[in-house]
C-alpha cells in the first residue's frame, strides 16, 4: 500500500486535551497518515487549522523530535509571547529535550494546512505544557494520562 488515498482516511477532529484546554484546538482536523499506512516508527499527520484554531497547546517533548512543513496558509509560530509568521514552504524544527515550547495559531481568515512528522516514543516521552496546568508524563506504556502539575490525573 505505497500510495494512500487521502479521501479514504477518516479525519480526526479536535484534540484529546481535557477541558478547557481542548477549546482552542476544536477547529483543527488531521489525517493520520502513519496509522493509515501502518507505519509505526514515527507519526506523520496532515493537519488543517480553521481560522482561529491552534495546532496544540504550547508544549515541548523529552524524547520526540518534531518537524512541521507549511503546505498552505499563513500560521503564526509561538515559542514565546512573540509570534513568527510562517508561509507555504516554511519548515520548523523542534528538537526533543530542548525545553522550548512551541505551537501554531491560525490568526487569519483562511485555512492553514501543514504536515507534521514526529517521533513515537510514548513509553519514554514526557510532554510538558509550560503555560497551563497540564502535563503528559511518560509511564512506560503506550497509554499516557494527562495530569495536573501536582501529578493528579484529569
N, C-alpha and C. Protein backbone atom coordinates (compact mmCIF):
# COMPACT_ATOMS: atom_id res chain seq x y z
N UNK A 1 0.84 -1.19 0.00
CA UNK A 1 0.00 0.00 0.00
C UNK A 1 0.88 1.25 0.00
N UNK A 2 1.69 1.46 -1.04
CA UNK A 2 2.58 2.61 -1.03
C UNK A 2 1.89 3.96 -1.22
N UNK A 3 0.72 3.97 -1.86
CA UNK A 3 0.02 5.23 -2.09
C UNK A 3 -1.24 5.26 -1.24
N UNK A 4 -1.38 6.32 -0.45
CA UNK A 4 -2.58 6.48 0.37
C UNK A 4 -3.62 7.30 -0.38
N UNK A 5 -4.86 6.90 -0.27
CA UNK A 5 -5.98 7.67 -0.80
C UNK A 5 -6.49 8.53 0.34
N UNK A 6 -6.12 9.81 0.33
CA UNK A 6 -6.46 10.69 1.45
C UNK A 6 -7.96 10.80 1.66
N UNK A 7 -8.73 10.63 0.60
CA UNK A 7 -10.19 10.73 0.74
C UNK A 7 -10.77 9.56 1.54
N UNK A 8 -9.99 8.50 1.72
CA UNK A 8 -10.45 7.33 2.46
C UNK A 8 -9.99 7.31 3.92
N UNK A 9 -9.25 8.34 4.33
CA UNK A 9 -8.77 8.42 5.72
C UNK A 9 -9.75 9.26 6.52
N UNK A 10 -10.25 8.70 7.60
CA UNK A 10 -11.20 9.41 8.46
C UNK A 10 -10.46 10.53 9.21
N UNK A 11 -10.92 11.77 9.09
CA UNK A 11 -10.24 12.86 9.81
C UNK A 11 -10.45 12.77 11.31
N UNK A 12 -9.43 13.14 12.04
CA UNK A 12 -9.50 13.26 13.49
C UNK A 12 -9.76 14.73 13.79
N UNK A 13 -10.85 15.02 14.48
CA UNK A 13 -11.26 16.40 14.73
C UNK A 13 -10.93 16.78 16.17
N UNK A 14 -10.38 17.98 16.35
CA UNK A 14 -10.09 18.49 17.69
C UNK A 14 -8.84 17.87 18.29
N UNK A 15 -8.80 17.80 19.61
CA UNK A 15 -7.66 17.23 20.33
C UNK A 15 -8.18 16.32 21.42
N UNK A 16 -7.27 15.64 22.09
CA UNK A 16 -7.68 14.82 23.24
C UNK A 16 -7.33 15.49 24.56
N UNK A 17 -7.06 16.80 24.53
CA UNK A 17 -6.81 17.53 25.77
C UNK A 17 -8.06 17.53 26.64
N UNK A 18 -7.88 17.53 27.96
CA UNK A 18 -9.05 17.70 28.83
C UNK A 18 -9.55 19.14 28.75
N UNK A 19 -10.84 19.31 29.03
CA UNK A 19 -11.41 20.66 29.09
C UNK A 19 -10.76 21.42 30.23
N UNK A 20 -10.56 22.68 30.10
CA UNK A 20 -10.90 23.58 29.00
C UNK A 20 -9.79 23.73 27.96
N UNK A 21 -8.72 22.94 28.09
CA UNK A 21 -7.55 23.11 27.24
C UNK A 21 -7.79 22.65 25.80
N UNK A 22 -8.87 21.92 25.58
CA UNK A 22 -9.21 21.46 24.23
C UNK A 22 -9.85 22.55 23.37
N UNK A 23 -10.39 23.59 24.00
CA UNK A 23 -11.18 24.60 23.28
C UNK A 23 -10.44 25.24 22.10
N UNK A 24 -9.19 25.72 22.25
CA UNK A 24 -8.55 26.38 21.10
C UNK A 24 -8.24 25.44 19.93
N UNK A 25 -8.29 24.14 20.19
CA UNK A 25 -7.94 23.15 19.16
C UNK A 25 -9.15 22.47 18.55
N UNK A 26 -10.35 22.87 18.94
CA UNK A 26 -11.55 22.19 18.43
C UNK A 26 -11.73 22.35 16.93
N UNK A 27 -11.23 23.44 16.36
CA UNK A 27 -11.39 23.69 14.92
C UNK A 27 -10.17 23.25 14.13
N UNK A 28 -9.48 22.23 14.62
CA UNK A 28 -8.39 21.64 13.85
C UNK A 28 -8.81 20.23 13.46
N UNK A 29 -8.28 19.75 12.36
CA UNK A 29 -8.54 18.38 11.95
C UNK A 29 -7.26 17.82 11.35
N UNK A 30 -7.16 16.50 11.36
CA UNK A 30 -5.96 15.89 10.84
C UNK A 30 -6.21 14.53 10.24
N UNK A 31 -5.40 14.20 9.26
CA UNK A 31 -5.38 12.87 8.67
C UNK A 31 -4.15 12.16 9.21
N UNK A 32 -4.35 11.06 9.87
CA UNK A 32 -3.25 10.31 10.48
C UNK A 32 -2.63 9.40 9.42
N UNK A 33 -1.65 9.95 8.72
CA UNK A 33 -1.04 9.26 7.59
C UNK A 33 -0.29 8.01 8.02
N UNK A 34 0.46 8.10 9.11
CA UNK A 34 1.23 6.94 9.57
C UNK A 34 0.32 5.78 9.91
N UNK A 35 -0.74 6.06 10.64
CA UNK A 35 -1.67 4.98 11.01
C UNK A 35 -2.33 4.38 9.77
N UNK A 36 -2.73 5.23 8.83
CA UNK A 36 -3.37 4.74 7.61
C UNK A 36 -2.42 3.86 6.81
N UNK A 37 -1.13 4.17 6.85
CA UNK A 37 -0.13 3.40 6.10
C UNK A 37 0.55 2.34 6.92
N UNK A 38 0.09 2.13 8.16
CA UNK A 38 0.66 1.12 9.06
C UNK A 38 2.14 1.35 9.34
N UNK A 39 2.53 2.62 9.43
CA UNK A 39 3.90 3.00 9.79
C UNK A 39 3.92 3.21 11.30
N UNK A 40 4.88 2.62 11.98
CA UNK A 40 4.87 2.65 13.45
C UNK A 40 6.04 3.40 14.08
N UNK A 41 7.11 3.68 13.35
CA UNK A 41 8.29 4.28 13.96
C UNK A 41 8.20 5.78 14.15
N UNK A 42 7.30 6.43 13.41
CA UNK A 42 7.11 7.87 13.56
C UNK A 42 5.67 8.20 13.20
N UNK A 43 5.24 9.37 13.63
CA UNK A 43 3.90 9.84 13.31
C UNK A 43 3.97 10.92 12.26
N UNK A 44 3.13 10.81 11.25
CA UNK A 44 3.01 11.85 10.22
C UNK A 44 1.53 12.16 10.06
N UNK A 45 1.20 13.43 10.19
CA UNK A 45 -0.19 13.87 10.14
C UNK A 45 -0.32 15.07 9.22
N UNK A 46 -1.32 15.04 8.35
CA UNK A 46 -1.65 16.18 7.51
C UNK A 46 -2.77 16.93 8.22
N UNK A 47 -2.44 18.12 8.71
CA UNK A 47 -3.33 18.86 9.61
C UNK A 47 -3.94 20.07 8.90
N UNK A 48 -5.15 20.41 9.31
CA UNK A 48 -5.83 21.62 8.85
C UNK A 48 -6.26 22.42 10.06
N UNK A 49 -5.87 23.69 10.08
CA UNK A 49 -6.31 24.62 11.12
C UNK A 49 -7.31 25.58 10.49
N UNK A 50 -8.53 25.54 10.96
CA UNK A 50 -9.52 26.52 10.53
C UNK A 50 -9.16 27.87 11.14
N UNK A 51 -9.70 28.96 10.60
CA UNK A 51 -9.42 30.27 11.19
C UNK A 51 -9.70 30.28 12.70
N UNK A 52 -8.72 30.79 13.45
CA UNK A 52 -8.83 30.88 14.90
C UNK A 52 -8.32 29.66 15.66
N UNK A 53 -8.07 28.56 14.97
CA UNK A 53 -7.64 27.33 15.64
C UNK A 53 -6.16 27.34 15.98
N UNK A 54 -5.83 26.60 17.02
CA UNK A 54 -4.44 26.36 17.42
C UNK A 54 -4.04 24.95 17.00
N UNK A 55 -2.75 24.75 16.74
CA UNK A 55 -2.25 23.40 16.45
C UNK A 55 -2.26 22.54 17.70
N UNK A 56 -2.00 23.16 18.84
CA UNK A 56 -1.90 22.47 20.12
C UNK A 56 -1.79 23.53 21.20
N UNK A 57 -1.76 23.10 22.43
CA UNK A 57 -1.29 23.97 23.49
C UNK A 57 0.23 24.05 23.35
N UNK A 58 0.84 25.14 23.80
CA UNK A 58 2.30 25.25 23.71
C UNK A 58 2.93 24.15 24.56
N UNK A 59 3.87 23.41 23.96
CA UNK A 59 4.43 22.23 24.63
C UNK A 59 5.84 21.95 24.11
N UNK A 60 6.54 21.07 24.82
CA UNK A 60 7.80 20.52 24.33
C UNK A 60 7.89 19.07 24.78
N UNK A 61 8.72 18.29 24.08
CA UNK A 61 8.84 16.86 24.32
C UNK A 61 10.22 16.50 24.85
N UNK A 62 10.27 15.45 25.67
CA UNK A 62 11.55 15.00 26.20
C UNK A 62 12.28 14.06 25.25
N UNK A 63 11.55 13.20 24.52
CA UNK A 63 12.22 12.21 23.65
C UNK A 63 11.60 12.12 22.25
N UNK A 64 10.87 13.12 21.83
CA UNK A 64 10.29 13.10 20.49
C UNK A 64 10.61 14.40 19.76
N UNK A 65 11.32 14.27 18.62
CA UNK A 65 11.55 15.41 17.73
C UNK A 65 10.28 15.66 16.91
N UNK A 66 10.12 16.90 16.45
CA UNK A 66 9.01 17.23 15.55
C UNK A 66 9.53 18.13 14.42
N UNK A 67 9.00 17.91 13.23
CA UNK A 67 9.26 18.76 12.07
C UNK A 67 7.91 19.13 11.47
N UNK A 68 7.74 20.40 11.12
CA UNK A 68 6.49 20.88 10.53
C UNK A 68 6.81 21.57 9.21
N UNK A 69 6.03 21.27 8.17
CA UNK A 69 6.14 21.97 6.89
C UNK A 69 4.79 22.56 6.54
N UNK A 70 4.78 23.86 6.27
CA UNK A 70 3.55 24.55 5.91
C UNK A 70 3.25 24.28 4.44
N UNK A 71 2.06 23.76 4.17
CA UNK A 71 1.63 23.46 2.80
C UNK A 71 0.88 24.66 2.22
N UNK A 72 -0.07 25.20 2.99
CA UNK A 72 -0.81 26.37 2.53
C UNK A 72 -1.27 27.18 3.73
N UNK A 73 -1.49 28.45 3.50
CA UNK A 73 -1.93 29.34 4.57
C UNK A 73 -0.75 29.99 5.28
N UNK A 74 -1.08 30.79 6.29
CA UNK A 74 -0.08 31.61 6.97
C UNK A 74 -0.29 31.58 8.48
N UNK A 75 0.14 30.48 9.13
CA UNK A 75 0.02 30.43 10.59
C UNK A 75 1.10 31.26 11.26
N UNK A 76 0.97 31.42 12.55
CA UNK A 76 1.99 32.09 13.36
C UNK A 76 2.52 31.07 14.36
N UNK A 77 3.86 30.93 14.39
CA UNK A 77 4.52 30.04 15.33
C UNK A 77 4.83 30.81 16.59
N UNK A 78 4.49 30.21 17.73
CA UNK A 78 4.81 30.81 19.02
C UNK A 78 5.71 29.87 19.81
N UNK A 79 6.88 30.38 20.17
CA UNK A 79 7.75 29.71 21.13
C UNK A 79 7.80 30.52 22.42
N UNK A 80 7.34 31.74 22.35
CA UNK A 80 7.22 32.64 23.50
C UNK A 80 6.01 33.51 23.21
N UNK A 81 5.94 34.67 23.81
CA UNK A 81 4.79 35.55 23.55
C UNK A 81 4.89 36.25 22.20
N UNK A 82 6.05 36.18 21.56
CA UNK A 82 6.25 36.81 20.26
C UNK A 82 6.05 35.77 19.16
N UNK A 83 5.19 36.08 18.20
CA UNK A 83 4.92 35.15 17.11
C UNK A 83 5.83 35.35 15.93
N UNK A 84 6.06 34.27 15.19
CA UNK A 84 6.85 34.29 13.96
C UNK A 84 5.91 33.88 12.83
N UNK A 85 5.66 34.79 11.86
CA UNK A 85 4.78 34.45 10.75
C UNK A 85 5.41 33.38 9.86
N UNK A 86 4.58 32.43 9.43
CA UNK A 86 5.03 31.36 8.54
C UNK A 86 4.25 31.41 7.24
N UNK A 87 4.86 30.88 6.18
CA UNK A 87 4.27 30.87 4.85
C UNK A 87 4.42 29.49 4.22
N UNK A 88 3.69 29.20 3.15
CA UNK A 88 3.84 27.92 2.48
C UNK A 88 5.30 27.66 2.10
N UNK A 89 5.74 26.44 2.38
CA UNK A 89 7.13 26.05 2.13
C UNK A 89 8.03 26.20 3.33
N UNK A 90 7.61 26.98 4.33
CA UNK A 90 8.42 27.12 5.54
C UNK A 90 8.43 25.81 6.33
N UNK A 91 9.58 25.54 6.95
CA UNK A 91 9.75 24.35 7.77
C UNK A 91 10.23 24.78 9.14
N UNK A 92 9.62 24.23 10.18
CA UNK A 92 10.07 24.49 11.54
C UNK A 92 10.53 23.16 12.15
N UNK A 93 11.53 23.23 13.00
CA UNK A 93 12.06 22.03 13.66
C UNK A 93 12.01 22.24 15.17
N UNK A 94 11.67 21.17 15.87
CA UNK A 94 11.50 21.24 17.32
C UNK A 94 12.21 20.03 17.94
N UNK A 95 13.52 20.19 18.23
CA UNK A 95 14.29 19.07 18.77
C UNK A 95 13.81 18.66 20.16
N UNK A 96 13.86 17.37 20.40
CA UNK A 96 13.49 16.85 21.71
C UNK A 96 14.46 17.36 22.77
N UNK A 97 13.93 17.50 23.96
CA UNK A 97 14.77 17.78 25.12
C UNK A 97 15.30 19.18 25.24
N UNK A 98 14.92 20.11 24.34
CA UNK A 98 15.49 21.46 24.45
C UNK A 98 14.69 22.38 25.37
N UNK A 99 13.53 21.94 25.82
CA UNK A 99 12.75 22.74 26.77
C UNK A 99 12.07 23.96 26.18
N UNK A 100 12.06 24.08 24.85
CA UNK A 100 11.43 25.24 24.21
C UNK A 100 10.03 24.83 23.73
N UNK A 101 9.02 25.38 24.37
CA UNK A 101 7.65 25.09 23.99
C UNK A 101 7.30 25.74 22.66
N UNK A 102 6.39 25.10 21.93
CA UNK A 102 6.00 25.61 20.62
C UNK A 102 4.56 25.24 20.32
N UNK A 103 3.93 26.05 19.52
CA UNK A 103 2.65 25.74 18.88
C UNK A 103 2.37 26.81 17.84
N UNK A 104 1.37 26.55 17.00
CA UNK A 104 0.98 27.50 15.97
C UNK A 104 -0.47 27.91 16.19
N UNK A 105 -0.75 29.13 15.74
CA UNK A 105 -2.12 29.64 15.75
C UNK A 105 -2.46 30.12 14.34
N UNK A 106 -3.69 29.85 13.94
CA UNK A 106 -4.17 30.40 12.67
C UNK A 106 -4.93 31.68 12.99
N UNK A 107 -4.26 32.79 12.81
CA UNK A 107 -4.84 34.10 13.11
C UNK A 107 -5.32 34.80 11.84
N UNK A 108 -5.56 34.00 10.79
CA UNK A 108 -6.03 34.54 9.51
C UNK A 108 -7.47 34.11 9.27
N UNK A 109 -8.01 34.50 8.13
CA UNK A 109 -9.38 34.12 7.79
C UNK A 109 -9.43 32.99 6.76
N UNK A 110 -8.31 32.29 6.57
CA UNK A 110 -8.26 31.16 5.64
C UNK A 110 -7.66 29.94 6.35
N UNK A 111 -7.98 28.76 5.86
CA UNK A 111 -7.42 27.54 6.44
C UNK A 111 -5.90 27.51 6.29
N UNK A 112 -5.25 26.83 7.23
CA UNK A 112 -3.83 26.52 7.17
C UNK A 112 -3.71 25.00 7.07
N UNK A 113 -2.88 24.53 6.15
CA UNK A 113 -2.63 23.10 6.01
C UNK A 113 -1.14 22.88 6.19
N UNK A 114 -0.79 21.90 7.03
CA UNK A 114 0.62 21.60 7.27
C UNK A 114 0.82 20.12 7.52
N UNK A 115 2.04 19.67 7.28
CA UNK A 115 2.45 18.30 7.56
C UNK A 115 3.31 18.33 8.81
N UNK A 116 2.99 17.50 9.78
CA UNK A 116 3.82 17.38 10.98
C UNK A 116 4.29 15.93 11.09
N UNK A 117 5.60 15.78 11.33
CA UNK A 117 6.22 14.47 11.48
C UNK A 117 6.97 14.48 12.79
N UNK A 118 6.79 13.43 13.57
CA UNK A 118 7.47 13.37 14.86
C UNK A 118 7.69 11.94 15.32
N UNK A 119 8.52 11.82 16.35
CA UNK A 119 8.80 10.52 16.94
C UNK A 119 7.58 9.93 17.60
N UNK A 120 7.65 8.63 17.81
CA UNK A 120 6.59 7.92 18.53
C UNK A 120 7.24 7.14 19.65
N UNK A 121 7.40 7.80 20.77
CA UNK A 121 8.04 7.19 21.93
C UNK A 121 7.18 7.38 23.17
N UNK A 122 5.91 6.95 23.17
CA UNK A 122 5.06 7.25 24.31
C UNK A 122 5.53 6.62 25.62
N UNK A 123 6.28 5.53 25.51
CA UNK A 123 6.76 4.87 26.73
C UNK A 123 7.77 5.73 27.48
N UNK A 124 8.55 6.54 26.74
CA UNK A 124 9.62 7.31 27.36
C UNK A 124 9.46 8.82 27.25
N UNK A 125 8.54 9.27 26.41
CA UNK A 125 8.39 10.71 26.19
C UNK A 125 7.47 11.35 27.22
N UNK A 126 7.89 12.50 27.69
CA UNK A 126 7.02 13.35 28.52
C UNK A 126 6.79 14.64 27.76
N UNK A 127 5.53 15.04 27.67
CA UNK A 127 5.18 16.32 27.07
C UNK A 127 4.86 17.30 28.19
N UNK A 128 5.50 18.45 28.13
CA UNK A 128 5.33 19.48 29.16
C UNK A 128 4.62 20.66 28.52
N UNK A 129 3.63 21.18 29.22
CA UNK A 129 2.83 22.33 28.77
C UNK A 129 3.11 23.47 29.74
N UNK A 130 4.08 24.35 29.42
CA UNK A 130 4.56 25.33 30.40
C UNK A 130 3.56 26.42 30.77
N UNK A 131 2.56 26.67 29.93
CA UNK A 131 1.65 27.80 30.17
C UNK A 131 0.41 27.44 30.97
N UNK A 132 0.13 26.15 31.12
CA UNK A 132 -1.13 25.71 31.72
C UNK A 132 -0.89 24.57 32.71
N UNK A 133 -1.90 24.24 33.49
CA UNK A 133 -1.83 23.16 34.48
C UNK A 133 -2.08 21.82 33.79
N UNK A 134 -1.10 21.40 32.98
CA UNK A 134 -1.25 20.18 32.20
C UNK A 134 0.13 19.61 31.91
N UNK A 135 0.27 18.31 32.09
CA UNK A 135 1.46 17.57 31.70
C UNK A 135 1.02 16.21 31.18
N UNK A 136 1.85 15.59 30.35
CA UNK A 136 1.61 14.25 29.84
C UNK A 136 2.88 13.44 30.06
N UNK A 137 3.02 12.88 31.27
CA UNK A 137 4.27 12.20 31.60
C UNK A 137 4.37 10.81 30.99
N UNK A 138 5.61 10.39 30.74
CA UNK A 138 5.86 9.02 30.32
C UNK A 138 5.53 8.10 31.49
N UNK A 139 5.01 6.91 31.17
CA UNK A 139 4.72 5.96 32.24
C UNK A 139 5.14 4.54 31.88
N UNK A 140 5.98 4.40 30.84
CA UNK A 140 6.47 3.08 30.46
C UNK A 140 5.52 2.29 29.58
N UNK A 141 4.37 2.85 29.25
CA UNK A 141 3.40 2.17 28.38
C UNK A 141 3.00 3.12 27.26
N UNK A 142 2.36 2.60 26.21
CA UNK A 142 1.89 3.49 25.15
C UNK A 142 0.71 4.36 25.56
N UNK A 143 0.06 4.01 26.66
CA UNK A 143 -1.14 4.72 27.10
C UNK A 143 -0.80 5.71 28.21
N UNK A 144 -0.69 6.98 27.83
CA UNK A 144 -0.36 8.01 28.81
C UNK A 144 -1.64 8.72 29.25
N UNK A 145 -1.57 9.33 30.43
CA UNK A 145 -2.72 10.02 31.00
C UNK A 145 -2.32 11.45 31.33
N UNK A 146 -3.14 12.40 30.85
CA UNK A 146 -2.89 13.80 31.19
C UNK A 146 -3.02 13.99 32.70
N UNK A 147 -2.11 14.82 33.23
CA UNK A 147 -2.10 15.10 34.66
C UNK A 147 -2.00 16.59 34.92
N UNK A 148 -2.44 16.97 36.12
CA UNK A 148 -2.18 18.31 36.62
C UNK A 148 -0.69 18.39 36.97
N UNK A 149 -0.18 19.59 37.15
CA UNK A 149 1.23 19.78 37.52
C UNK A 149 1.56 19.08 38.84
N UNK A 150 0.55 18.92 39.72
CA UNK A 150 0.80 18.25 41.00
C UNK A 150 0.74 16.73 40.90
N UNK A 151 0.52 16.20 39.68
CA UNK A 151 0.52 14.76 39.46
C UNK A 151 -0.84 14.09 39.52
N UNK A 152 -1.88 14.80 39.90
CA UNK A 152 -3.21 14.18 39.92
C UNK A 152 -3.75 14.09 38.50
N UNK A 153 -4.40 12.97 38.17
CA UNK A 153 -4.89 12.78 36.80
C UNK A 153 -6.13 13.61 36.51
N UNK A 154 -6.33 13.90 35.23
CA UNK A 154 -7.57 14.54 34.77
C UNK A 154 -8.63 13.48 34.63
